N, C-alpha and C. Protein backbone atom coordinates (compact mmCIF):
# COMPACT_ATOMS: atom_id res chain seq x y z
N UNK A 1 94.31 120.66 96.28
CA UNK A 1 93.97 119.25 96.20
C UNK A 1 92.47 119.11 95.94
N UNK A 2 92.16 118.24 95.03
CA UNK A 2 90.76 117.95 94.73
C UNK A 2 90.32 116.71 95.49
N UNK A 3 89.22 116.83 96.20
CA UNK A 3 88.73 115.70 96.98
C UNK A 3 87.85 114.80 96.12
N UNK A 4 87.84 113.49 96.41
CA UNK A 4 86.99 112.58 95.64
C UNK A 4 85.51 112.82 95.92
N UNK A 5 84.69 112.44 94.97
CA UNK A 5 83.23 112.60 95.10
C UNK A 5 82.69 111.64 96.16
N UNK A 6 81.46 111.91 96.59
CA UNK A 6 80.80 111.02 97.55
C UNK A 6 80.67 109.62 96.98
N UNK A 7 80.41 109.53 95.68
CA UNK A 7 80.28 108.23 95.02
C UNK A 7 81.60 107.46 95.07
N UNK A 8 82.70 108.17 94.86
CA UNK A 8 84.01 107.53 94.92
C UNK A 8 84.31 107.04 96.32
N UNK A 9 83.98 107.85 97.31
CA UNK A 9 84.19 107.46 98.72
C UNK A 9 83.40 106.19 99.03
N UNK A 10 82.15 106.16 98.62
CA UNK A 10 81.32 104.98 98.88
C UNK A 10 81.88 103.75 98.18
N UNK A 11 82.39 103.92 96.96
CA UNK A 11 82.99 102.80 96.23
C UNK A 11 84.24 102.30 96.96
N UNK A 12 85.07 103.21 97.46
CA UNK A 12 86.24 102.81 98.24
C UNK A 12 85.83 102.05 99.49
N UNK A 13 84.79 102.51 100.16
CA UNK A 13 84.34 101.84 101.38
C UNK A 13 83.80 100.45 101.09
N UNK A 14 83.17 100.27 99.93
CA UNK A 14 82.71 98.93 99.54
C UNK A 14 83.89 98.02 99.19
N UNK A 15 84.89 98.60 98.51
CA UNK A 15 86.05 97.80 98.09
C UNK A 15 86.99 97.47 99.25
N UNK A 16 87.10 98.38 100.21
CA UNK A 16 88.02 98.21 101.34
C UNK A 16 87.30 98.34 102.68
N UNK A 17 86.38 97.41 102.97
CA UNK A 17 85.71 97.49 104.28
C UNK A 17 86.70 97.17 105.40
N UNK A 18 86.37 97.60 106.60
CA UNK A 18 87.21 97.32 107.76
C UNK A 18 87.48 95.82 107.82
N UNK A 19 88.75 95.48 108.08
CA UNK A 19 89.15 94.09 108.17
C UNK A 19 89.80 93.54 106.91
N UNK A 20 89.69 94.27 105.79
CA UNK A 20 90.31 93.83 104.54
C UNK A 20 91.83 93.86 104.69
N UNK A 21 92.48 92.81 104.21
CA UNK A 21 93.94 92.76 104.24
C UNK A 21 94.46 93.37 102.95
N UNK A 22 95.42 94.30 103.08
CA UNK A 22 96.01 94.98 101.93
C UNK A 22 97.53 94.86 101.97
N UNK A 23 98.12 95.03 100.78
CA UNK A 23 99.57 95.04 100.63
C UNK A 23 99.97 96.37 100.01
N UNK A 24 100.98 97.01 100.57
CA UNK A 24 101.43 98.30 100.07
C UNK A 24 102.19 98.15 98.76
N UNK A 25 101.77 98.93 97.75
CA UNK A 25 102.45 98.97 96.46
C UNK A 25 103.30 100.22 96.33
N UNK A 26 102.80 101.35 96.83
CA UNK A 26 103.53 102.62 96.76
C UNK A 26 102.98 103.58 97.79
N UNK A 27 103.88 104.29 98.47
CA UNK A 27 103.48 105.36 99.37
C UNK A 27 104.56 106.43 99.34
N UNK A 28 104.16 107.65 99.04
CA UNK A 28 105.10 108.76 98.93
C UNK A 28 105.22 109.46 100.28
N UNK A 29 105.90 108.80 101.21
CA UNK A 29 106.07 109.34 102.55
C UNK A 29 107.33 108.72 103.15
N UNK A 30 108.23 109.54 103.69
CA UNK A 30 109.46 108.97 104.26
C UNK A 30 109.20 108.07 105.48
N UNK A 31 108.05 108.19 106.10
CA UNK A 31 107.71 107.36 107.26
C UNK A 31 106.91 106.11 106.89
N UNK A 32 106.75 105.87 105.59
CA UNK A 32 105.89 104.76 105.16
C UNK A 32 106.50 103.41 105.48
N UNK A 33 105.64 102.41 105.61
CA UNK A 33 106.15 101.05 105.73
C UNK A 33 106.81 100.67 104.40
N UNK A 34 107.60 99.62 104.37
CA UNK A 34 108.24 99.22 103.12
C UNK A 34 107.23 98.68 102.11
N UNK A 35 107.53 98.84 100.83
CA UNK A 35 106.69 98.24 99.79
C UNK A 35 106.58 96.75 100.08
N UNK A 36 105.37 96.22 99.96
CA UNK A 36 105.13 94.82 100.27
C UNK A 36 104.59 94.59 101.66
N UNK A 37 104.64 95.63 102.51
CA UNK A 37 104.10 95.50 103.87
C UNK A 37 102.60 95.22 103.79
N UNK A 38 102.12 94.44 104.72
CA UNK A 38 100.69 94.11 104.77
C UNK A 38 100.08 94.65 106.05
N UNK A 39 98.78 94.88 105.95
CA UNK A 39 98.06 95.37 107.10
C UNK A 39 96.57 95.19 106.93
N UNK A 40 95.84 95.57 107.97
CA UNK A 40 94.39 95.42 108.00
C UNK A 40 93.74 96.79 107.95
N UNK A 41 92.76 96.95 107.05
CA UNK A 41 92.04 98.21 106.93
C UNK A 41 91.24 98.47 108.20
N UNK A 42 91.38 99.70 108.69
CA UNK A 42 90.61 100.15 109.85
C UNK A 42 89.33 100.83 109.37
N UNK A 43 89.48 101.74 108.40
CA UNK A 43 88.34 102.50 107.87
C UNK A 43 88.78 103.31 106.66
N UNK A 44 87.79 103.81 105.92
CA UNK A 44 88.02 104.78 104.85
C UNK A 44 87.34 106.06 105.30
N UNK A 45 88.10 107.17 105.34
CA UNK A 45 87.52 108.41 105.84
C UNK A 45 86.83 109.21 104.73
N UNK A 46 86.34 110.38 105.08
CA UNK A 46 85.54 111.20 104.16
C UNK A 46 86.32 111.85 103.03
N UNK A 47 87.66 111.77 103.05
CA UNK A 47 88.44 112.28 101.92
C UNK A 47 89.12 111.14 101.15
N UNK A 48 88.73 109.90 101.46
CA UNK A 48 89.21 108.75 100.70
C UNK A 48 90.49 108.13 101.21
N UNK A 49 90.98 108.56 102.36
CA UNK A 49 92.17 107.94 102.93
C UNK A 49 91.79 106.58 103.51
N UNK A 50 92.54 105.55 103.12
CA UNK A 50 92.32 104.21 103.65
C UNK A 50 93.25 104.07 104.86
N UNK A 51 92.68 104.00 106.04
CA UNK A 51 93.47 103.88 107.27
C UNK A 51 93.77 102.41 107.51
N UNK A 52 95.05 102.11 107.70
CA UNK A 52 95.52 100.73 107.79
C UNK A 52 96.35 100.54 109.06
N UNK A 53 96.12 99.44 109.75
CA UNK A 53 96.98 99.02 110.85
C UNK A 53 98.01 98.08 110.23
N UNK A 54 99.21 98.61 109.99
CA UNK A 54 100.26 97.84 109.34
C UNK A 54 100.87 96.83 110.29
N UNK A 55 101.24 95.67 109.77
CA UNK A 55 101.91 94.64 110.59
C UNK A 55 103.25 95.14 111.13
N UNK A 56 103.81 96.13 110.46
CA UNK A 56 105.09 96.69 110.90
C UNK A 56 104.94 97.56 112.15
N UNK A 57 103.70 97.79 112.57
CA UNK A 57 103.46 98.53 113.80
C UNK A 57 102.91 99.92 113.61
N UNK A 58 102.96 100.48 112.41
CA UNK A 58 102.42 101.82 112.18
C UNK A 58 100.97 101.79 111.76
N UNK A 59 100.42 102.98 111.58
CA UNK A 59 99.03 103.07 111.12
C UNK A 59 98.86 104.22 110.12
N UNK A 60 99.88 104.45 109.31
CA UNK A 60 99.84 105.52 108.32
C UNK A 60 98.79 105.22 107.26
N UNK A 61 97.97 106.24 106.92
CA UNK A 61 96.90 106.07 105.94
C UNK A 61 97.39 106.11 104.51
N UNK A 62 96.64 105.44 103.63
CA UNK A 62 96.91 105.39 102.21
C UNK A 62 96.12 106.53 101.56
N UNK A 63 96.82 107.55 101.05
CA UNK A 63 96.18 108.74 100.50
C UNK A 63 95.57 108.46 99.13
N UNK A 64 94.29 108.80 98.98
CA UNK A 64 93.59 108.60 97.71
C UNK A 64 94.28 109.38 96.60
N UNK A 65 94.52 108.70 95.48
CA UNK A 65 95.10 109.35 94.31
C UNK A 65 96.60 109.55 94.37
N UNK A 66 97.23 109.16 95.48
CA UNK A 66 98.67 109.35 95.61
C UNK A 66 99.38 108.04 95.93
N UNK A 67 98.87 107.31 96.90
CA UNK A 67 99.47 106.05 97.32
C UNK A 67 98.65 104.89 96.75
N UNK A 68 99.20 103.67 96.82
CA UNK A 68 98.41 102.54 96.32
C UNK A 68 98.67 101.27 97.10
N UNK A 69 97.60 100.50 97.22
CA UNK A 69 97.62 99.19 97.86
C UNK A 69 96.83 98.23 96.98
N UNK A 70 96.97 96.95 97.28
CA UNK A 70 96.13 95.94 96.63
C UNK A 70 95.54 95.07 97.71
N UNK A 71 94.36 94.56 97.44
CA UNK A 71 93.72 93.64 98.37
C UNK A 71 94.44 92.30 98.30
N UNK A 72 94.53 91.64 99.45
CA UNK A 72 95.12 90.31 99.55
C UNK A 72 94.02 89.39 100.04
N UNK A 73 93.93 88.21 99.45
CA UNK A 73 92.83 87.29 99.77
C UNK A 73 92.76 86.97 101.27
N UNK A 74 93.89 86.68 101.88
CA UNK A 74 93.90 86.48 103.33
C UNK A 74 95.31 86.74 103.86
N UNK A 75 95.48 86.64 105.14
CA UNK A 75 96.73 87.03 105.78
C UNK A 75 97.93 86.22 105.30
N UNK A 76 97.72 85.01 104.82
CA UNK A 76 98.84 84.15 104.44
C UNK A 76 99.22 84.26 102.97
N UNK A 77 98.46 85.03 102.17
CA UNK A 77 98.78 85.17 100.75
C UNK A 77 100.00 86.02 100.54
């Protein structure tokens, strides 16, 4: 596995600061929340994983380059 550059990590942290609401588009994990699940970003770690507290109750991270989410303007969107 190739890890993202420091510049990419910093860009992810700017795009997904803690508290950002995201919606799951794809996650390749049998334990993943369903597509469309929403949650709040906790942090982006040093390998680019976006850690999310999902409304469904889990906290599975979004793996850089494998899974995808989109930002949602606010919780009611």
